[in-house]
Amino acid sequence: MARRGRPVAELTLTDEERETLVRWSRRAKSSQALAQRCRIVLGCADGRSNQEVAAEVGVWPQTVGKWRRRFLEKRLEGLADEPRPGAPRRITDEQVEEVIVKTLEATPREATHWSRASMAAATGLSKSTIGRIWRAFELKPHRVDAFKLSNDPQFIDKVRDVVGLYLDPPEHAMVLAVDEKSQIQALDRSAPVLPMMPGMPERRTHDYVRHGITTLFAALDVATGKVIGSIHRRHRASEFKKFLAKLDKEVPAEVDVHLICDNYTTHKHLTIQRWLAAHPRFHMHFTPTYSSWLNQVERWFGLLTEQRLRRGVHKSIQALEKDIRDWIEAWNTDPRPFAWTKTADEILERLTAYLQRIPGAGH
């Protein structure tokens, strides 16, 4: 029976085109629109009419005709979406460059950094345009980060030593990240805390009453995440010696102990040196000056502060110390070790690249 209706252009495919269309129509990551267009073209190539292909794919016959014509004109490239018309761009490259240069190399006369309003006034652009340009180039003039350069002459050696303990700990040994959190204050609010309610956060007075301070000595087992803690009212070499004696009792006698500490004088006191000489299984490893970020126990102190101390209310030192002991006990029931991922070379390469951006920072 002769085919009725308006004649349609015959569509034939090469083997390579057919293979590509089949692959695009089945590939999971292809957009649904592109996959549908591939199925339309494949149906047309099989000799079916627009109506038959439309019924099979689930589109209008006019849609089949559109993609049949597009493929015949441009082949595979014709199946891609064409650029949609829109308003012409009004911001020139020169204007974008002016905003970026001003942001990076100049400051407003009346302030230390640019705001959207001040940059808009200086360039004649709108505040929303300034915001879009800054977002596109990830510029944030309102933010500032602090840094401290280590002046330790043995910086590289100490970084390699400490990172080596994290990534490749010695056999038959325990690596402990050790430090003390001093001046922990027992603070009581001047009025009772008002509890959280629907639509309203917990409320507390900004002023408080001090009930004394205490110090926590802590050793984090970098392999298991368990913590050995000891609380003392003073922060001297004698208290640190007592803490070392506690570690000596709790760590199995057949295991060597590697302690990662900072350069605080307490850790290098003559009393400590004599104790270490009498306990040769203990080995001290010092982080570089101004580099407490290398000591994993500092991250644990941050969790303690965030989860227990910052919003805690303590009417006495005894109550504060009990809270700390309870938190350590709870932590050790389900310890979570911190995973160290950066090698010493990666740290040093990143630091070198950072220093190159700072005029006069040295090498």
Protein backbone atom coordinates (compact mmCIF):
# COMPACT_ATOMS: atom_id res chain seq x y z
CA MET A 1 0.00 0.00 0.00
CA ALA A 2 1.36 3.40 -0.99
CA ARG A 3 2.42 5.70 1.84
CA ARG A 4 0.13 8.70 2.28
CA GLY A 5 0.98 12.22 3.32
CA ARG A 6 3.83 14.59 2.55
CA PRO A 7 6.97 12.78 1.34
CA VAL A 8 9.91 12.76 3.71
CA ALA A 9 13.60 12.82 2.89
CA GLU A 10 15.26 9.43 3.04
CA LEU A 11 17.76 9.08 5.88
CA THR A 12 20.67 6.67 5.63
CA LEU A 13 23.48 6.07 8.09
CA THR A 14 27.06 5.01 7.80
CA ASP A 15 28.21 2.14 9.99
CA GLU A 16 30.17 4.57 12.17
CA GLU A 17 27.16 6.89 12.58
CA ARG A 18 24.87 4.01 13.50
CA GLU A 19 27.35 2.71 16.06
CA THR A 20 27.67 6.17 17.61
CA LEU A 21 23.91 6.72 17.76
CA VAL A 22 23.32 3.34 19.39
CA ARG A 23 26.04 4.05 21.96
CA TRP A 24 24.65 7.50 22.78
CA SER A 25 21.13 6.16 23.10
CA ARG A 26 22.23 3.52 25.65
CA ARG A 27 24.96 5.33 27.58
CA ALA A 28 23.86 5.99 31.17
CA LYS A 29 25.53 9.42 31.30
CA SER A 30 23.93 10.74 28.11
CA SER A 31 21.24 13.35 28.64
CA GLN A 32 17.73 12.05 28.15
CA ALA A 33 17.14 14.58 25.39
CA LEU A 34 20.16 13.43 23.38
CA ALA A 35 19.25 9.75 23.87
CA GLN A 36 15.73 10.44 22.61
CA ARG A 37 17.04 12.24 19.51
CA CYS A 38 19.32 9.28 18.75
CA ARG A 39 16.36 6.89 18.93
CA ILE A 40 14.39 9.16 16.56
CA VAL A 41 17.19 9.17 13.98
CA LEU A 42 17.67 5.41 14.27
CA GLY A 43 13.95 4.89 13.71
CA CYS A 44 13.98 7.15 10.66
CA ALA A 45 17.02 5.32 9.28
CA ASP A 46 15.07 2.04 9.50
CA GLY A 47 12.63 3.45 6.93
CA ARG A 48 9.71 4.21 9.26
CA SER A 49 7.52 7.26 8.80
CA ASN A 50 7.49 10.25 11.14
CA GLN A 51 4.18 9.07 12.60
CA GLU A 52 5.49 5.59 13.28
CA VAL A 53 8.67 6.86 14.92
CA ALA A 54 6.68 9.40 16.96
CA ALA A 55 4.38 6.67 18.28
CA GLU A 56 7.34 4.46 19.16
CA VAL A 57 9.42 7.14 20.91
CA GLY A 58 6.48 8.98 22.47
CA VAL A 59 6.81 12.43 20.84
CA TRP A 60 4.90 14.50 18.31
CA PRO A 61 5.43 13.78 14.59
CA GLN A 62 6.59 17.39 14.16
CA THR A 63 9.41 16.67 16.61
CA VAL A 64 10.51 13.68 14.55
CA GLY A 65 10.49 15.83 11.43
CA LYS A 66 12.60 18.47 13.14
CA TRP A 67 15.38 16.07 14.12
CA ARG A 68 15.22 14.23 10.80
CA ARG A 69 15.92 17.54 9.00
CA ARG A 70 18.56 18.59 11.53
CA PHE A 71 20.46 15.31 11.11
CA LEU A 72 20.30 15.48 7.32
CA GLU A 73 21.75 19.01 7.43
CA LYS A 74 24.47 18.61 10.09
CA ARG A 75 24.68 14.85 10.78
CA LEU A 76 25.72 13.99 14.35
CA GLU A 77 26.58 17.57 15.25
CA GLY A 78 23.01 18.56 14.54
CA LEU A 79 21.70 16.57 17.51
CA ALA A 80 23.33 18.93 20.02
CA ASP A 81 21.38 21.84 21.49
CA GLU A 82 21.91 25.11 19.65
CA PRO A 83 22.85 28.23 21.61
CA ARG A 84 19.72 29.92 22.88
CA PRO A 85 19.18 33.58 22.05
CA GLY A 86 19.39 36.08 24.87
CA ALA A 87 20.22 39.64 25.73
CA PRO A 88 23.62 40.75 24.43
CA ARG A 89 26.43 40.97 26.97
CA ARG A 90 26.79 44.48 28.34
CA ILE A 91 29.88 44.07 30.55
CA THR A 92 33.10 44.15 28.53
CA ASP A 93 36.27 42.18 29.24
CA GLU A 94 38.03 45.46 30.00
CA GLN A 95 35.49 46.27 32.73
CA VAL A 96 35.87 42.79 34.27
CA GLU A 97 39.65 43.20 34.21
CA GLU A 98 39.39 46.60 35.89
CA VAL A 99 37.37 45.12 38.76
CA ILE A 100 39.81 42.24 39.24
CA VAL A 101 42.89 44.48 39.13
CA LYS A 102 41.40 46.95 41.60
CA THR A 103 40.38 44.14 43.93
CA LEU A 104 43.83 42.56 43.94
CA GLU A 105 46.13 45.56 43.69
CA ALA A 106 44.37 48.55 45.28
CA THR A 107 42.34 49.50 48.32
CA PRO A 108 39.63 52.14 48.71
CA ARG A 109 40.73 55.45 50.16
CA GLU A 110 38.35 55.27 53.12
CA ALA A 111 38.66 51.59 54.09
CA THR A 112 41.08 48.68 54.38
CA HIS A 113 39.25 46.50 51.85
CA TRP A 114 36.66 46.70 49.11
CA SER A 115 32.95 46.14 49.54
CA ARG A 116 30.48 45.61 46.73
CA ALA A 117 29.19 49.16 47.20
CA SER A 118 32.61 50.81 47.20
CA MET A 119 33.79 48.84 44.16
CA ALA A 120 30.56 49.63 42.33
CA ALA A 121 31.06 53.34 43.03
CA ALA A 122 34.69 53.18 41.84
CA THR A 123 33.94 51.33 38.59
CA GLY A 124 30.47 52.54 37.68
CA LEU A 125 29.02 49.03 37.67
CA SER A 126 26.12 47.77 39.76
CA LYS A 127 26.67 46.01 43.10
CA SER A 128 25.13 42.81 41.75
CA THR A 129 27.57 42.85 38.81
CA ILE A 130 30.50 43.27 41.19
CA GLY A 131 29.19 40.32 43.22
CA ARG A 132 28.94 38.11 40.11
CA ILE A 133 32.48 38.98 39.01
CA TRP A 134 33.89 38.25 42.47
CA ARG A 135 32.04 34.93 42.64
CA ALA A 136 33.27 33.94 39.18
CA PHE A 137 36.90 34.55 40.16
CA GLU A 138 36.48 33.40 43.80
CA LEU A 139 37.50 36.77 45.25
CA LYS A 140 36.41 37.52 48.83
CA PRO A 141 37.76 40.91 49.97
CA HIS A 142 35.76 40.78 53.21
CA ARG A 143 37.62 37.67 54.42
CA VAL A 144 41.10 37.44 55.87
CA ASP A 145 43.12 34.45 57.06
CA ALA A 146 45.92 34.58 59.62
CA PHE A 147 49.22 32.74 59.31
CA LYS A 148 52.46 32.41 61.24
CA LEU A 149 55.76 31.48 59.65
CA SER A 150 57.97 29.08 61.56
CA ASN A 151 61.49 30.34 62.23
CA ASP A 152 62.72 26.92 63.30
CA PRO A 153 66.09 26.19 61.61
CA GLN A 154 65.23 22.47 61.71
CA PHE A 155 61.76 22.94 60.25
CA ILE A 156 62.18 20.51 57.32
CA ASP A 157 63.79 17.79 59.42
CA LYS A 158 61.11 18.01 62.10
CA VAL A 159 58.26 17.93 59.56
CA ARG A 160 59.71 14.80 57.97
CA ASP A 161 60.21 13.23 61.39
CA VAL A 162 56.68 13.83 62.65
CA VAL A 163 54.89 13.06 59.37
CA GLY A 164 56.98 9.91 59.06
CA LEU A 165 55.64 8.73 62.42
CA TYR A 166 52.07 9.29 61.22
CA LEU A 167 52.41 7.59 57.84
CA ASP A 168 54.94 4.88 58.66
CA PRO A 169 55.04 4.25 62.43
CA PRO A 170 57.83 2.00 63.75
CA GLU A 171 57.08 -1.63 64.55
CA HIS A 172 56.53 -2.76 68.14
CA ALA A 173 55.99 0.85 69.17
CA MET A 174 53.18 3.22 70.11
CA VAL A 175 53.05 6.76 68.71
CA LEU A 176 51.40 9.24 71.08
CA ALA A 177 50.56 12.84 70.19
CA VAL A 178 51.06 14.64 73.51
CA ASP A 179 50.23 18.13 74.73
CA GLU A 180 48.51 19.97 77.53
CA LYS A 181 45.46 22.18 77.44
CA SER A 182 46.12 24.74 80.15
CA GLN A 183 44.02 27.52 81.64
CA ILE A 184 40.72 25.64 81.25
CA GLN A 185 38.26 27.84 83.11
CA ALA A 186 35.35 26.68 85.23
CA LEU A 187 32.74 29.22 84.12
CA ASP A 188 29.25 29.72 85.47
CA ARG A 189 26.80 32.05 83.75
CA SER A 190 25.54 35.00 85.78
CA ALA A 191 21.94 33.88 85.14
CA PRO A 192 20.37 30.49 84.38
CA VAL A 193 20.58 29.30 80.79
CA LEU A 194 17.27 29.56 78.94
CA PRO A 195 16.60 26.32 77.03
CA MET A 196 16.01 26.05 73.30
CA MET A 197 12.40 26.34 72.12
CA PRO A 198 10.73 25.98 68.71
CA GLY A 199 11.83 28.98 66.66
CA MET A 200 14.24 30.17 69.35
CA PRO A 201 17.84 29.02 70.10
CA GLU A 202 19.26 28.39 73.55
CA ARG A 203 20.00 31.71 75.27
CA ARG A 204 22.64 32.55 77.84
CA THR A 205 24.11 35.68 79.36
CA HIS A 206 27.27 37.06 77.81
CA ASP A 207 28.93 37.52 81.23
CA TYR A 208 30.02 34.77 83.60
CA VAL A 209 31.57 34.00 86.97
CA ARG A 210 35.00 32.31 87.16
CA HIS A 211 35.53 29.46 89.62
CA GLY A 212 39.18 28.68 88.89
CA ILE A 213 41.27 26.94 86.24
CA THR A 214 42.74 23.51 85.61
CA THR A 215 45.08 21.82 83.12
CA LEU A 216 44.57 18.68 81.07
CA PHE A 217 47.56 16.60 79.92
CA ALA A 218 46.55 14.28 77.08
CA ALA A 219 48.21 11.64 74.90
CA LEU A 220 46.40 10.56 71.71
CA ASP A 221 47.27 7.14 70.31
CA VAL A 222 47.48 7.98 66.60
CA ALA A 223 46.81 4.36 65.60
CA THR A 224 43.65 3.70 67.63
CA GLY A 225 42.43 7.18 68.60
CA LYS A 226 42.32 6.33 72.30
CA VAL A 227 43.32 9.05 74.75
CA ILE A 228 45.19 8.86 78.04
CA GLY A 229 44.46 11.94 80.12
CA SER A 230 45.61 13.39 83.41
CA ILE A 231 44.30 16.52 85.13
CA HIS A 232 46.46 18.77 87.32
CA ARG A 233 45.90 22.16 88.91
CA ARG A 234 49.40 23.37 87.98
CA HIS A 235 51.25 23.39 84.71
CA ARG A 236 54.90 22.66 85.42
CA ALA A 237 57.60 20.15 84.60
CA SER A 238 56.75 18.22 87.76
CA GLU A 239 53.16 17.70 86.56
CA PHE A 240 54.39 16.66 83.12
CA LYS A 241 56.73 14.17 84.77
CA LYS A 242 53.79 12.67 86.66
CA PHE A 243 51.93 12.38 83.37
CA LEU A 244 54.88 10.56 81.79
CA ALA A 245 54.91 8.18 84.74
CA LYS A 246 51.22 7.46 84.10
CA LEU A 247 51.98 6.71 80.45
CA ASP A 248 54.77 4.39 81.56
CA LYS A 249 52.28 2.41 83.65
CA GLU A 250 49.50 2.23 81.07
CA VAL A 251 51.57 1.42 77.96
CA PRO A 252 52.70 -2.23 77.83
CA ALA A 253 56.30 -2.59 78.99
CA GLU A 254 57.47 -4.39 75.84
CA VAL A 255 56.42 -1.51 73.57
CA ASP A 256 58.56 1.52 72.70
CA VAL A 257 56.84 4.89 73.09
CA HIS A 258 57.30 7.77 70.64
CA LEU A 259 55.96 11.08 71.94
CA ILE A 260 55.13 13.96 69.58
CA CYS A 261 55.35 17.24 71.54
CA ASP A 262 55.71 20.93 70.88
CA ASN A 263 58.67 23.06 71.96
CA TYR A 264 57.20 24.21 75.26
CA THR A 265 59.90 24.60 77.93
CA THR A 266 58.14 22.12 80.21
CA HIS A 267 58.83 19.32 77.72
CA LYS A 268 62.57 20.05 77.66
CA HIS A 269 63.15 20.75 81.35
CA LEU A 270 66.17 19.12 83.02
CA THR A 271 63.78 17.10 85.20
CA ILE A 272 62.17 15.64 82.08
CA GLN A 273 65.52 14.93 80.46
CA ARG A 274 66.63 12.96 83.53
CA TRP A 275 63.37 11.00 83.55
CA LEU A 276 63.75 10.15 79.86
CA ALA A 277 67.34 9.00 80.43
CA ALA A 278 66.03 6.59 83.07
CA HIS A 279 63.30 5.32 80.71
CA PRO A 280 65.05 4.61 77.40
CA ARG A 281 61.92 3.21 75.71
CA PHE A 282 60.50 6.75 75.57
CA HIS A 283 61.55 8.83 72.53
CA MET A 284 60.71 12.53 72.11
CA HIS A 285 59.87 14.05 68.72
CA PHE A 286 59.33 17.82 68.59
CA THR A 287 57.15 19.70 66.12
CA PRO A 288 58.68 22.84 64.56
CA THR A 289 58.21 26.17 66.30
CA TYR A 290 54.77 27.72 65.62
CA SER A 291 53.59 24.46 64.04
CA SER A 292 51.09 23.01 66.48
CA TRP A 293 48.95 22.02 63.47
CA LEU A 294 51.31 19.04 63.08
CA ASN A 295 50.22 17.61 66.42
CA GLN A 296 47.06 15.51 66.08
CA VAL A 297 46.11 15.91 69.73
CA GLU A 298 45.38 19.58 69.00
CA ARG A 299 42.48 18.45 66.82
CA TRP A 300 41.21 16.34 69.69
CA PHE A 301 41.44 19.36 72.02
CA GLY A 302 39.31 21.24 69.48
CA LEU A 303 36.59 18.59 69.70
CA LEU A 304 36.72 18.70 73.50
CA THR A 305 36.28 22.47 73.46
CA GLU A 306 33.48 22.39 70.91
CA GLN A 307 31.46 19.54 72.36
CA ARG A 308 31.99 19.93 76.11
CA LEU A 309 33.68 23.14 77.25
CA ARG A 310 32.52 26.11 75.17
CA ARG A 311 28.86 25.88 76.18
CA GLY A 312 29.43 24.10 79.46
CA VAL A 313 28.34 25.58 82.80
CA HIS A 314 30.53 24.64 85.79
CA LYS A 315 30.04 25.96 89.30
CA SER A 316 33.36 24.56 90.57
CA ILE A 317 36.69 23.20 89.36
CA GLN A 318 35.62 19.75 90.56
CA ALA A 319 32.54 19.87 88.30
CA LEU A 320 34.70 20.94 85.35
CA GLU A 321 37.24 18.18 85.92
CA LYS A 322 34.48 15.57 86.23
CA ASP A 323 33.02 16.70 82.91
CA ILE A 324 36.43 16.36 81.24
CA ARG A 325 37.00 12.87 82.68
CA ASP A 326 33.51 11.79 81.60
CA TRP A 327 34.11 13.06 78.08
CA ILE A 328 37.44 11.19 77.81
CA GLU A 329 35.77 8.00 79.04
CA ALA A 330 32.96 8.39 76.51
CA TRP A 331 35.46 9.08 73.72
CA ASN A 332 37.47 5.95 74.55
CA THR A 333 34.39 3.72 74.31
CA ASP A 334 34.30 4.51 70.57
CA PRO A 335 37.64 6.14 69.65
CA ARG A 336 38.10 7.66 66.21
CA PRO A 337 41.69 8.03 64.97
CA PHE A 338 42.51 10.94 62.71
CA ALA A 339 43.75 9.92 59.25
CA TRP A 340 46.89 11.78 58.15
CA THR A 341 46.98 11.95 54.33
CA LYS A 342 49.70 14.45 53.33
CA THR A 343 53.31 13.38 52.90
CA ALA A 344 56.14 15.61 54.08
CA ASP A 345 57.05 16.45 50.47
CA GLU A 346 53.47 17.54 49.72
CA ILE A 347 53.43 19.77 52.81
CA LEU A 348 56.77 21.35 51.96
CA GLU A 349 55.82 21.89 48.29
CA ARG A 350 52.60 23.61 49.28
CA LEU A 351 54.38 25.76 51.84
CA THR A 352 57.00 26.76 49.26
CA ALA A 353 54.29 27.77 46.79
CA TYR A 354 52.55 29.78 49.53
CA LEU A 355 55.76 31.58 50.52
CA GLN A 356 56.41 32.59 46.93
CA ARG A 357 53.23 34.67 47.08
CA ILE A 358 54.43 36.61 50.15
CA PRO A 359 56.94 39.41 49.43
CA GLY A 360 59.97 39.16 51.73
CA ALA A 361 58.84 35.92 53.36
CA GLY A 362 62.15 34.23 52.65
CA HIS A 363 62.85 30.70 51.49
